[in-house]
Protein backbone atom coordinates (compact mmCIF):
# COMPACT_ATOMS: atom_id res chain seq x y z
CA MET A 1 89.64 139.69 130.79
CA LYS A 2 90.83 137.16 133.49
CA LYS A 3 87.55 135.26 133.28
CA LEU A 4 88.03 135.11 129.41
CA LEU A 5 91.64 133.88 129.65
CA ALA A 6 90.67 131.25 132.16
CA SER A 7 87.94 130.05 129.75
CA LEU A 8 90.29 130.00 126.86
CA LEU A 9 92.94 127.82 128.83
CA CYS A 10 90.08 125.72 129.96
CA ALA A 11 88.90 125.15 126.40
CA THR A 12 92.38 124.45 125.13
CA SER A 13 93.03 122.08 127.92
CA LEU A 14 89.75 120.25 127.16
CA LEU A 15 90.78 120.24 123.32
CA THR A 16 94.00 118.76 124.15
CA VAL A 17 92.71 116.09 126.46
CA THR A 18 90.10 115.28 123.66
CA SER A 19 92.62 114.82 121.23
CA SER A 20 94.88 112.87 123.22
CA GLY A 21 92.05 110.55 124.23
CA LEU A 22 91.15 110.10 120.40
CA ALA A 23 94.60 109.07 119.86
CA GLN A 24 94.67 106.55 122.51
CA ALA A 25 91.36 105.04 121.62
CA TRP A 26 92.61 104.25 118.06
CA PRO A 27 91.60 101.74 116.77
CA ASP A 28 88.18 101.46 118.17
CA LYS A 29 86.67 99.85 115.32
CA PRO A 30 87.84 97.56 112.44
CA VAL A 31 90.70 98.71 109.96
CA LYS A 32 90.92 98.02 106.36
CA VAL A 33 94.05 96.72 104.89
CA VAL A 34 93.93 97.26 101.05
CA ILE A 35 96.04 94.79 99.18
CA PRO A 36 96.01 95.97 95.21
CA PHE A 37 96.43 92.64 93.74
CA PRO A 38 94.17 89.32 93.66
CA PRO A 39 94.33 86.57 96.41
CA GLY A 40 96.74 83.89 96.41
CA GLY A 41 100.07 85.67 95.73
CA THR A 42 103.02 86.26 97.75
CA LEU A 43 101.85 89.77 98.64
CA ASP A 44 98.18 88.51 99.71
CA LYS A 45 99.93 85.70 101.88
CA ILE A 46 102.15 87.90 103.77
CA GLY A 47 99.65 90.75 104.08
CA ARG A 48 96.96 88.33 105.52
CA MET A 49 99.77 86.97 108.02
CA LEU A 50 100.31 90.82 109.20
CA ALA A 51 96.69 91.62 109.41
CA GLU A 52 96.03 88.60 111.64
CA ASP A 53 98.94 89.68 114.06
CA LEU A 54 97.84 93.13 114.23
CA SER A 55 94.09 91.90 114.80
CA LYS A 56 95.55 90.09 117.98
CA GLN A 57 97.69 92.86 119.18
CA PHE A 58 94.91 95.71 118.88
CA GLY A 59 92.14 93.57 119.62
CA GLN A 60 90.34 94.85 116.58
CA ASN A 61 89.89 93.17 113.32
CA PHE A 62 92.38 94.29 110.51
CA LEU A 63 90.37 93.19 107.40
CA VAL A 64 92.07 92.38 104.01
CA ASP A 65 90.37 93.99 101.13
CA ASN A 66 91.85 92.85 97.81
CA ARG A 67 91.18 95.71 95.24
CA ALA A 68 93.02 94.33 92.20
CA GLY A 69 93.33 96.35 88.78
CA GLY A 70 95.42 98.81 86.83
CA ASN A 71 98.79 97.39 87.87
CA GLY A 72 98.05 98.03 91.60
CA ILE A 73 96.93 101.55 91.07
CA ILE A 74 93.21 101.05 91.79
CA GLY A 75 93.91 99.90 95.34
CA GLY A 76 96.71 102.59 95.89
CA ASP A 77 94.25 105.46 94.86
CA LEU A 78 91.59 104.19 97.09
CA VAL A 79 93.95 104.50 100.01
CA ALA A 80 95.34 107.65 98.88
CA ARG A 81 92.02 109.14 98.92
CA ALA A 82 90.72 107.63 102.28
CA PRO A 83 90.31 109.68 105.46
CA ALA A 84 93.85 110.04 107.21
CA ASP A 85 92.45 108.47 110.52
CA GLY A 86 94.30 105.28 110.51
CA TYR A 87 91.26 102.97 109.46
CA THR A 88 92.54 102.37 105.90
CA LEU A 89 96.03 101.09 105.16
CA LEU A 90 97.77 99.84 102.12
CA PHE A 91 99.96 96.76 102.16
CA ASN A 92 102.04 96.44 99.00
CA ALA A 93 105.12 95.03 97.48
CA SER A 94 108.03 97.15 95.88
CA THR A 95 105.62 97.47 92.66
CA PHE A 96 104.12 100.23 94.55
CA VAL A 97 106.96 102.45 94.14
CA THR A 98 108.22 101.18 90.71
CA ALA A 99 104.87 100.67 88.71
CA PRO A 100 103.96 104.37 88.64
CA MET A 101 107.41 105.11 87.00
CA THR A 102 106.28 102.88 83.91
CA MET A 103 102.87 104.84 83.51
CA LYS A 104 101.97 108.08 81.85
CA SER A 105 99.28 109.00 84.20
CA VAL A 106 98.87 108.09 88.02
CA PRO A 107 96.37 109.76 90.41
CA TYR A 108 98.79 110.01 93.18
CA LYS A 109 102.34 110.53 94.17
CA VAL A 110 104.06 107.62 96.19
CA GLN A 111 106.28 110.19 98.13
CA THR A 112 103.69 112.88 99.20
CA ASP A 113 100.18 111.01 99.14
CA PHE A 114 101.05 108.40 101.76
CA ALA A 115 102.96 107.97 104.97
CA PRO A 116 105.44 105.01 105.16
CA ILE A 117 104.81 102.96 108.32
CA SER A 118 107.22 99.99 108.12
CA LEU A 119 109.18 97.99 105.73
CA VAL A 120 107.96 94.26 106.62
CA ALA A 121 110.13 91.73 104.54
CA PHE A 122 112.46 91.45 101.88
CA ALA A 123 111.85 88.34 99.28
CA PRO A 124 114.51 86.58 97.17
CA LEU A 125 113.04 85.64 93.89
CA SER A 126 112.86 82.34 92.21
CA VAL A 127 113.49 81.68 88.67
CA ALA A 128 110.62 79.11 88.17
CA ILE A 129 110.05 77.30 84.83
CA SER A 130 107.59 75.20 83.25
CA ASN A 131 108.09 71.24 83.56
CA LYS A 132 107.26 71.09 79.73
CA LEU A 133 110.47 73.20 78.95
CA GLY A 134 112.46 70.26 80.17
CA VAL A 135 115.21 72.21 81.61
CA SER A 136 116.91 71.51 85.01
CA ASP A 137 119.38 74.46 85.60
CA VAL A 138 120.08 78.05 84.87
CA LYS A 139 122.49 77.04 82.03
CA GLY A 140 119.96 75.08 80.38
CA LEU A 141 117.48 77.85 80.60
CA VAL A 142 119.73 80.26 78.99
CA ALA A 143 120.69 77.62 76.32
CA ALA A 144 116.89 77.17 75.54
CA ALA A 145 116.32 80.90 75.40
CA LYS A 146 119.05 81.26 72.80
CA THR A 147 117.43 78.45 70.47
CA LYS A 148 113.89 79.79 70.74
CA GLN A 149 111.87 82.83 72.35
CA LEU A 150 110.51 81.94 75.71
CA ASN A 151 107.64 83.68 77.22
CA PHE A 152 108.13 85.02 80.90
CA ALA A 153 105.26 86.15 83.13
CA VAL A 154 105.29 89.19 85.23
CA GLY A 155 102.84 89.79 87.92
CA SER A 156 102.74 93.54 87.01
CA ILE A 157 104.65 95.79 85.00
CA GLY A 158 107.75 97.19 86.79
CA SER A 159 107.56 94.91 89.58
CA ALA A 160 110.79 93.39 91.23
CA GLY A 161 110.07 90.21 89.17
CA HIS A 162 109.80 92.24 85.90
CA LEU A 163 113.06 94.24 86.41
CA CYS A 164 114.72 91.08 87.51
CA THR A 165 113.84 89.57 84.22
CA VAL A 166 115.18 92.37 82.35
CA LYS A 167 118.33 92.18 84.48
CA LEU A 168 118.76 88.48 83.60
CA GLU A 169 118.06 89.12 79.93
CA SER A 170 120.84 91.65 79.70
CA ALA A 171 123.24 89.38 81.90
CA PHE A 172 122.97 86.34 79.81
CA GLY A 173 122.50 88.11 76.40
CA VAL A 174 119.07 86.56 75.83
CA ASP A 175 115.59 88.02 74.79
CA VAL A 176 112.20 86.96 76.40
CA ALA A 177 108.72 87.84 75.65
CA ILE A 178 106.99 89.59 78.71
CA VAL A 179 103.64 88.40 79.28
CA PRO A 180 101.82 90.81 81.78
CA TYR A 181 99.40 89.21 84.32
CA ARG A 182 96.92 90.76 86.91
CA GLY A 183 98.83 89.26 89.81
CA THR A 184 100.93 86.71 90.69
CA GLY A 185 98.30 83.83 91.23
CA PRO A 186 97.06 83.66 87.74
CA ALA A 187 100.52 83.72 86.38
CA PHE A 188 101.56 80.62 88.39
CA GLN A 189 98.40 78.77 87.22
CA ASP A 190 99.57 79.11 83.64
CA LEU A 191 103.05 78.26 84.38
CA VAL A 192 101.91 74.97 86.17
CA GLY A 193 99.88 74.55 83.19
CA GLY A 194 102.38 75.00 80.69
CA GLN A 195 100.90 78.03 78.97
CA ILE A 196 104.08 80.08 79.75
CA ASP A 197 107.70 79.13 80.01
CA GLY A 198 108.93 81.09 82.96
CA PHE A 199 108.35 83.37 85.92
CA ILE A 200 110.55 85.36 88.11
CA ASP A 201 108.68 86.03 91.54
CA PRO A 202 109.31 85.70 95.25
CA VAL A 203 110.06 82.44 96.35
CA LEU A 204 107.16 82.06 98.50
CA GLY A 205 104.72 81.91 95.63
CA SER A 206 106.67 79.06 93.90
CA VAL A 207 108.04 76.97 96.56
CA GLN A 208 104.88 74.62 97.12
CA PHE A 209 104.58 74.00 93.39
CA HIS A 210 108.41 73.26 93.12
CA LYS A 211 108.21 70.81 96.07
CA ALA A 212 105.20 69.14 94.48
CA GLU A 213 107.26 68.69 91.18
CA ARG A 214 104.46 70.98 89.52
CA LEU A 215 107.17 73.22 88.22
CA LYS A 216 111.11 73.78 88.43
CA ILE A 217 113.01 76.37 90.27
CA VAL A 218 116.31 76.52 88.49
CA GLY A 219 117.53 79.16 90.76
CA VAL A 220 117.11 81.71 93.50
CA THR A 221 118.26 85.43 93.29
CA SER A 222 119.60 85.72 96.76
CA THR A 223 123.43 85.70 97.61
CA LYS A 224 123.30 82.44 99.63
CA ARG A 225 121.11 79.28 99.20
CA LEU A 226 117.85 79.59 101.03
CA PRO A 227 117.36 77.27 104.08
CA ASN A 228 113.83 76.16 102.68
CA LEU A 229 115.61 75.18 99.33
CA PRO A 230 119.15 74.06 100.17
CA ASP A 231 119.42 72.03 96.83
CA VAL A 232 118.35 74.96 94.50
CA PRO A 233 121.43 76.94 93.63
CA THR A 234 121.77 80.61 93.31
CA VAL A 235 121.99 82.36 90.04
CA ALA A 236 124.97 83.79 91.32
CA GLU A 237 126.66 80.38 91.15
CA THR A 238 126.48 80.84 87.37
CA LEU A 239 126.53 84.40 87.29
CA PRO A 240 128.70 85.95 90.07
CA ARG A 241 127.28 88.80 91.98
CA PHE A 242 123.67 88.53 90.44
CA GLU A 243 121.02 89.38 93.07
CA CYS A 244 117.54 90.69 92.97
CA ALA A 245 114.76 90.84 95.66
CA SER A 246 111.16 92.22 96.41
CA TRP A 247 110.22 93.90 99.48
CA TYR A 248 107.01 94.57 101.21
CA GLY A 249 105.76 97.33 103.27
CA LEU A 250 102.77 98.99 105.01
CA TRP A 251 101.49 102.65 104.21
CA ALA A 252 98.68 104.88 105.42
CA PRO A 253 97.26 108.03 103.61
CA ALA A 254 99.48 111.19 104.04
CA LYS A 255 98.71 113.37 107.03
CA THR A 256 97.86 110.22 109.28
CA SER A 257 98.70 111.15 112.79
CA THR A 258 102.19 110.52 114.04
CA ASP A 259 100.51 108.80 117.14
CA VAL A 260 98.82 106.27 114.69
CA VAL A 261 101.80 105.76 112.69
CA THR A 262 104.17 105.23 115.63
CA LYS A 263 101.62 102.55 117.19
CA LEU A 264 101.48 100.83 113.89
CA ASN A 265 105.19 100.81 113.43
CA ALA A 266 105.81 99.34 116.90
CA ALA A 267 103.17 96.72 116.16
CA VAL A 268 104.81 95.67 113.07
CA ASN A 269 108.08 95.37 114.79
CA LYS A 270 106.58 93.30 117.53
CA ALA A 271 104.86 91.04 114.97
CA LEU A 272 108.14 90.42 113.20
CA ASN A 273 110.14 89.64 116.63
CA GLY A 274 106.93 87.16 117.42
CA ALA A 275 104.88 84.64 115.50
CA MET A 276 105.59 85.96 112.30
CA ARG A 277 109.00 85.69 112.49
CA ASP A 278 109.49 81.89 112.30
CA LYS A 279 106.78 81.76 109.52
CA LEU A 280 108.53 84.18 107.34
CA LEU A 281 112.17 82.74 107.83
CA ALA A 282 110.69 79.25 107.00
CA ASP A 283 109.42 80.75 103.64
CA GLY A 284 112.79 82.01 102.80
CA LEU A 285 111.91 85.79 103.50
CA VAL A 286 114.41 88.20 105.36
CA LEU A 287 112.96 90.23 108.05
CA GLY A 288 112.11 94.05 107.75
CA GLY A 289 111.52 96.22 110.72
CA GLY A 290 112.91 99.46 111.81
CA SER A 291 111.57 103.00 112.13
CA SER A 292 109.09 104.67 109.74
CA ALA A 293 111.91 107.13 108.86
CA GLU A 294 114.28 104.43 108.08
CA PHE A 295 111.47 103.14 105.68
CA ALA A 296 110.94 106.44 104.10
CA LYS A 297 114.78 106.73 103.25
CA PHE A 298 114.78 103.17 101.93
CA GLN A 299 111.77 103.74 99.66
CA ALA A 300 113.29 107.11 98.29
CA ASP A 301 116.64 105.08 97.61
CA ASP A 302 114.71 102.32 95.89
CA ILE A 303 112.82 104.79 93.84
CA ALA A 304 116.10 106.30 92.44
CA SER A 305 117.71 102.76 91.74
CA SER A 306 114.76 101.29 90.17
CA GLY A 307 114.06 104.42 88.13
CA LYS A 308 117.28 104.16 86.46
CA ILE A 309 116.52 100.65 85.31
CA ILE A 310 113.19 101.61 84.00
CA ALA A 311 114.48 104.62 82.08
CA ASP A 312 117.51 102.82 80.59
CA LYS A 313 115.38 99.81 79.43
CA LYS A 314 112.24 102.10 78.34
CA ILE A 315 109.78 99.72 80.47
CA SER A 316 106.27 101.27 80.01
CA VAL A 317 102.79 99.88 80.46
CA GLU A 318 101.54 101.69 77.34
């Protein structure tokens, strides 16, 4: 009996050491970071920035894999079904938690099929319009919308930009036609080309076109003017207390080990206090960070508040 007990204790110790060794070894091969929208948009830019920083920190490649389609559902489902070993991650925007509420059938549940790792950044939105519209400010935009129906792009149904467009419609008593796109990159191409009239989306995507005078940002949805666009007024200067923002985060499949989630959370926080910090601030973004538990609570609160808007306005993909 003593020999049997000793053998069991030895085996248990060996298993503990082996499991600990595996956790410490992660990552010992490249990590896939799925971005469920096309390259070129704000989400893609921030995701690639983060992947590059994580690659340097861990000494392994964090490879971006753009899996566009299905309003972000295709990429999300790929991660939900992936092994929970820390080698497949999801980088997404607030659309991740809001889009499923606009659809009848989604193959996963955000709050049970994913492990929140870290909130990365908040992004004030820009109200960008086509130069062909001939409008220079928010008041002019509202006046134009009251004389004819304008076409506004949305990068995806239920996105922060979409919800903000709906909020702006209600605030000013106007009605615009919503034109869905498969990502922000294609939407900006059509906005610059004059095929659509307006697009409300994170500032990072539109600022380069605005500074090149290829479109006009008539307002930003932050409470204060942004350092990178000091001459652009806030929408709140015309409509007091008006505010909207998108946000970005990193997730892993549910049941990913706490050790891996903790390592990734620490690395994201380190990135936000390092080289990424100045880049994000220069682009008009607000830094995220914090613990994975804080991110999980933030996510739950956003689902509750956004869900009310979606239900009240009956926003649906179908």
